[in-house]
Protein backbone atom coordinates (compact mmCIF):
# COMPACT_ATOMS: atom_id res chain seq x y z
CA UNK A 1 17.18 -6.13 7.49
CA UNK A 2 18.68 -4.24 4.55
CA UNK A 3 20.04 -0.71 4.84
CA UNK A 4 17.06 0.62 2.90
CA UNK A 5 14.61 -1.21 5.18
CA UNK A 6 16.38 0.25 8.20
CA UNK A 7 16.03 3.75 6.73
CA UNK A 8 12.32 3.23 6.10
CA UNK A 9 11.83 1.74 9.57
CA UNK A 10 13.47 4.73 11.24
CA UNK A 11 11.53 7.21 9.10
CA UNK A 12 8.14 5.67 9.82
CA UNK A 13 8.98 5.29 13.50
CA UNK A 14 9.48 9.06 13.47
CA UNK A 15 6.12 9.47 11.71
CA UNK A 16 4.46 7.35 14.39
CA UNK A 17 6.09 9.33 17.19
CA UNK A 18 4.85 12.55 15.58
CA UNK A 19 1.30 11.17 15.38
CA UNK A 20 1.34 11.12 11.59
CA UNK A 21 0.15 7.54 11.27
CA UNK A 22 -3.45 8.60 11.61
CA UNK A 23 -2.96 11.13 8.77
CA UNK A 24 -2.56 8.28 6.29
CA UNK A 25 -6.23 7.39 6.36
CA UNK A 26 -7.21 10.99 5.63
CA UNK A 27 -4.71 11.30 2.78
CA UNK A 28 -5.19 7.89 1.18
CA UNK A 29 -8.89 7.10 1.70
CA UNK A 30 -10.14 9.18 -1.29
CA UNK A 31 -8.24 6.89 -3.72
CA UNK A 32 -8.56 3.72 -1.65
CA UNK A 33 -12.34 3.77 -1.31
CA UNK A 34 -12.99 3.36 -5.08
CA UNK A 35 -10.18 0.78 -5.28
CA UNK A 36 -11.91 -1.34 -2.63
CA UNK A 37 -15.00 -1.47 -4.82
CA UNK A 38 -12.90 -3.37 -7.38
CA UNK A 39 -11.37 -5.88 -4.98
CA UNK A 40 -14.26 -8.34 -4.72
CA UNK A 41 -13.78 -9.30 -1.07
CA UNK A 42 -15.74 -12.33 0.12
CA UNK A 43 -16.98 -12.82 3.71
CA UNK A 44 -14.51 -15.63 4.40
CA UNK A 45 -11.41 -14.10 2.82
CA UNK A 46 -8.05 -14.09 4.53
CA UNK A 47 -6.44 -10.75 3.63
CA UNK A 48 -2.93 -9.34 4.04
CA UNK A 49 -2.21 -5.59 4.04
CA UNK A 50 1.50 -4.92 3.36
CA UNK A 51 2.67 -1.62 4.82
CA UNK A 52 -0.38 -1.25 7.03
CA UNK A 53 0.76 1.72 9.12
CA UNK A 54 -1.68 2.22 12.00
CA UNK A 55 -4.13 -0.27 10.51
CA UNK A 56 -6.76 2.01 8.97
CA UNK A 57 -7.13 -0.20 5.87
CA UNK A 58 -7.13 -3.41 7.92
CA UNK A 59 -10.05 -2.02 9.91
CA UNK A 60 -11.91 -1.02 6.74
CA UNK A 61 -11.45 -4.45 5.18
CA UNK A 62 -12.29 -6.39 8.36
CA UNK A 63 -15.93 -5.33 8.12
CA UNK A 64 -16.05 -6.77 4.58
CA UNK A 65 -14.74 -10.19 5.65
CA UNK A 66 -16.69 -10.95 8.86
CA UNK A 67 -16.04 -14.69 8.60
CA UNK A 68 -12.37 -14.27 7.65
CA UNK A 69 -9.38 -12.41 9.00
CA UNK A 70 -7.18 -9.46 8.04
CA UNK A 71 -3.48 -9.25 8.86
CA UNK A 72 -1.39 -6.11 8.67
CA UNK A 73 2.39 -5.93 8.53
CA UNK A 74 4.70 -2.92 8.72
CA UNK A 75 8.44 -2.40 9.19
CA UNK A 76 7.74 0.19 11.89
CA UNK A 77 7.10 -1.40 15.29
CA UNK A 78 5.69 1.90 16.51
CA UNK A 79 3.14 1.96 13.69
CA UNK A 80 2.18 -1.59 14.66
CA UNK A 81 1.78 -0.57 18.30
CA UNK A 82 -0.63 2.13 17.15
CA UNK A 83 -2.47 -0.32 14.91
CA UNK A 84 -3.01 -2.75 17.77
CA UNK A 85 -4.25 0.00 20.05
CA UNK A 86 -6.66 1.46 17.49
CA UNK A 87 -7.91 -1.99 16.43
CA UNK A 88 -8.43 -3.49 19.88
CA UNK A 89 -12.17 -3.85 19.25
CA UNK A 90 -11.74 -5.56 15.85
CA UNK A 91 -11.74 -9.32 16.55
CA UNK A 92 -10.62 -10.49 13.09
CA UNK A 93 -7.59 -8.19 12.80
CA UNK A 94 -3.99 -9.03 13.62
CA UNK A 95 -0.73 -7.11 13.24
CA UNK A 96 2.93 -8.03 12.99
CA UNK A 97 6.15 -6.10 12.62
CA UNK A 98 8.09 -7.35 9.62
CA UNK A 99 9.37 -6.81 6.12
CA UNK A 100 8.25 -7.58 2.59
CA UNK A 101 11.64 -9.26 2.18
CA UNK A 102 10.44 -12.18 4.32
CA UNK A 103 6.78 -12.24 5.26
CA UNK A 104 6.21 -14.26 8.46
CA UNK A 105 3.47 -16.53 7.09
CA UNK A 106 3.51 -19.90 5.30
CA UNK A 107 2.94 -20.30 1.57
CA UNK A 108 -0.63 -19.72 0.43
CA UNK A 109 -1.85 -18.17 3.68
CA UNK A 110 -4.05 -15.46 2.13
CA UNK A 111 -6.79 -15.30 -0.47
CA UNK A 112 -6.17 -11.57 -1.06
CA UNK A 113 -3.05 -9.40 -0.71
CA UNK A 114 -3.19 -5.62 -0.88
CA UNK A 115 -0.67 -2.80 -0.48
CA UNK A 116 -1.52 0.91 -0.51
CA UNK A 117 1.17 3.58 -0.85
CA UNK A 118 3.92 1.19 0.22
CA UNK A 119 5.33 -0.70 -2.77
CA UNK A 120 7.69 2.05 -3.93
CA UNK A 121 9.48 1.79 -0.58
CA UNK A 122 10.20 -1.94 -1.00
CA UNK A 123 13.97 -2.60 -1.18
CA UNK A 124 13.54 -4.72 -4.31
CA UNK A 125 10.12 -4.44 -5.94
CA UNK A 126 10.59 -7.61 -7.99
CA UNK A 127 11.42 -9.78 -4.98
CA UNK A 128 8.67 -8.03 -3.00
CA UNK A 129 6.07 -9.03 -5.57
CA UNK A 130 7.41 -12.60 -5.56
CA UNK A 131 7.22 -12.77 -1.77
CA UNK A 132 3.64 -11.49 -1.83
CA UNK A 133 2.91 -14.14 -4.49
CA UNK A 134 4.34 -16.81 -2.17
CA UNK A 135 1.87 -16.12 0.65
CA UNK A 136 -1.05 -15.79 -1.78
CA UNK A 137 -3.26 -18.85 -2.21
CA UNK A 138 -4.03 -20.34 -5.60
CA UNK A 139 -6.92 -18.44 -7.13
CA UNK A 140 -6.22 -15.41 -4.92
CA UNK A 141 -5.82 -11.80 -6.02
CA UNK A 142 -3.10 -9.24 -5.35
CA UNK A 143 -3.43 -5.47 -5.68
CA UNK A 144 -1.15 -2.48 -5.20
CA UNK A 145 -2.27 1.14 -5.19
CA UNK A 146 0.37 3.88 -5.42
CA UNK A 147 0.48 7.60 -6.11
CA UNK A 148 4.21 7.63 -6.92
CA UNK A 149 4.83 6.14 -10.36
CA UNK A 150 6.63 7.26 -13.50
CA UNK A 151 3.59 7.85 -15.72
CA UNK A 152 2.37 10.65 -13.46
CA UNK A 153 4.97 13.33 -14.13
CA UNK A 154 3.68 15.56 -11.34
CA UNK A 155 5.07 13.28 -8.63
CA UNK A 156 8.62 12.92 -9.96
CA UNK A 157 10.13 15.54 -7.66
CA UNK A 158 9.03 13.59 -4.58
CA UNK A 159 12.07 11.32 -4.83
CA UNK A 160 14.42 14.20 -4.02
CA UNK A 161 12.24 15.33 -1.12
CA UNK A 162 11.83 11.99 0.62
CA UNK A 163 14.53 11.06 3.15
CA UNK A 164 14.51 7.40 2.09
CA UNK A 165 15.20 5.52 -1.15
CA UNK A 166 12.21 5.00 -3.44
CA UNK A 167 11.57 3.22 -6.74
CA UNK A 168 9.85 5.24 -9.46
CA UNK A 169 8.50 2.56 -11.84
CA UNK A 170 6.06 2.92 -14.70
CA UNK A 171 2.71 1.16 -14.84
CA UNK A 172 4.01 -1.26 -17.48
CA UNK A 173 7.00 -2.09 -15.29
CA UNK A 174 4.81 -2.92 -12.31
CA UNK A 175 2.57 -5.03 -14.54
CA UNK A 176 5.61 -6.91 -15.83
CA UNK A 177 6.79 -7.62 -12.27
CA UNK A 178 3.36 -9.08 -11.57
CA UNK A 179 3.58 -11.31 -14.65
CA UNK A 180 7.14 -12.40 -13.89
CA UNK A 181 6.08 -13.53 -10.42
CA UNK A 182 3.50 -15.85 -11.96
CA UNK A 183 0.39 -13.70 -11.59
CA UNK A 184 -2.08 -13.77 -14.46
CA UNK A 185 -4.97 -11.56 -15.61
CA UNK A 186 -2.73 -8.58 -14.83
CA UNK A 187 -4.25 -5.17 -15.49
CA UNK A 188 -3.46 -1.57 -14.61
CA UNK A 189 -5.82 1.36 -14.21
CA UNK A 190 -5.89 4.80 -12.65
CA UNK A 191 -8.00 6.21 -9.85
CA UNK A 192 -8.27 10.02 -9.81
CA UNK A 193 -8.16 11.75 -6.45
CA UNK A 194 -11.38 13.76 -5.88
CA UNK A 195 -10.00 15.71 -2.92
CA UNK A 196 -10.62 19.46 -3.41
CA UNK A 197 -7.43 21.43 -4.07
CA UNK A 198 -6.72 24.66 -2.20
CA UNK A 199 -6.82 28.03 -3.92
CA UNK A 200 -3.20 28.52 -2.90
CA UNK A 201 -0.88 25.59 -2.28
CA UNK A 202 1.80 26.14 0.38
CA UNK A 203 3.19 22.63 0.81
CA UNK A 204 6.44 21.23 -0.55
CA UNK A 205 5.24 18.35 -2.72
CA UNK A 206 3.93 20.47 -5.60
CA UNK A 207 5.00 23.73 -7.18
CA UNK A 208 1.52 25.22 -6.91
CA UNK A 209 -2.18 24.37 -6.69
CA UNK A 210 -2.45 23.82 -10.44
CA UNK A 211 0.26 21.16 -10.36
CA UNK A 212 -1.47 19.45 -7.43
CA UNK A 213 -4.73 19.47 -9.38
CA UNK A 214 -3.05 17.95 -12.44
CA UNK A 215 -1.46 15.28 -10.25
CA UNK A 216 -4.82 14.33 -8.74
CA UNK A 217 -6.48 14.21 -12.15
CA UNK A 218 -3.80 11.83 -13.46
CA UNK A 219 -4.77 9.54 -10.61
CA UNK A 220 -3.17 6.79 -8.54
CA UNK A 221 -1.96 3.60 -10.19
CA UNK A 222 -3.95 0.45 -9.42
CA UNK A 223 -2.33 -2.87 -10.42
CA UNK A 224 -4.02 -6.23 -9.98
CA UNK A 225 -3.25 -9.85 -10.78
CA UNK A 226 -4.48 -13.35 -9.97
CA UNK A 227 -2.48 -16.40 -8.84
CA UNK A 228 -3.42 -19.41 -10.99
């Protein structure tokens, strides 16, 4: 495990201990729901969720692939413990602790690979995309969805606030990493966040409510590509 992966592991273990894993669904679902409408899941798909946290997306996808399976992986063993507990009644879900640096599945294991709000934590985004490509079957699709990317100027200050190393790449740079890995039909789009903004913002991620509103209107980055 690299130093950066260890930092991320420790940080998300702390999140899990503080009960923040469950917050991810609340925060990320408004942009993830419309993204799922573009992912064309089939009943028999085998799906991998990279950076699954407590498994909220795995559970959402599992209902869409009743004849398939959904696997979630996260560097935080405590997040995975939570995912297994919360998903005990989901028969086609499985979870493993592990890293994007070396996914613990053979080549071509999945027909779809997805990652939500995780890719900017990867130690090396280029090698991460290649590793995801490796476990993707021919004809399969890969998607990432992230709120932290260079084209949205209202998120730039996050890097100095996060206690771990992040990669602030532009949409074109992510698209190029997809192409370099061998993915084709690569496209990027944005998904605005419809969550109502408060009258007065008191958090630390934005300067004020207006900046938060502008950030949400810019939208999350959605990148997709197909393995030939």
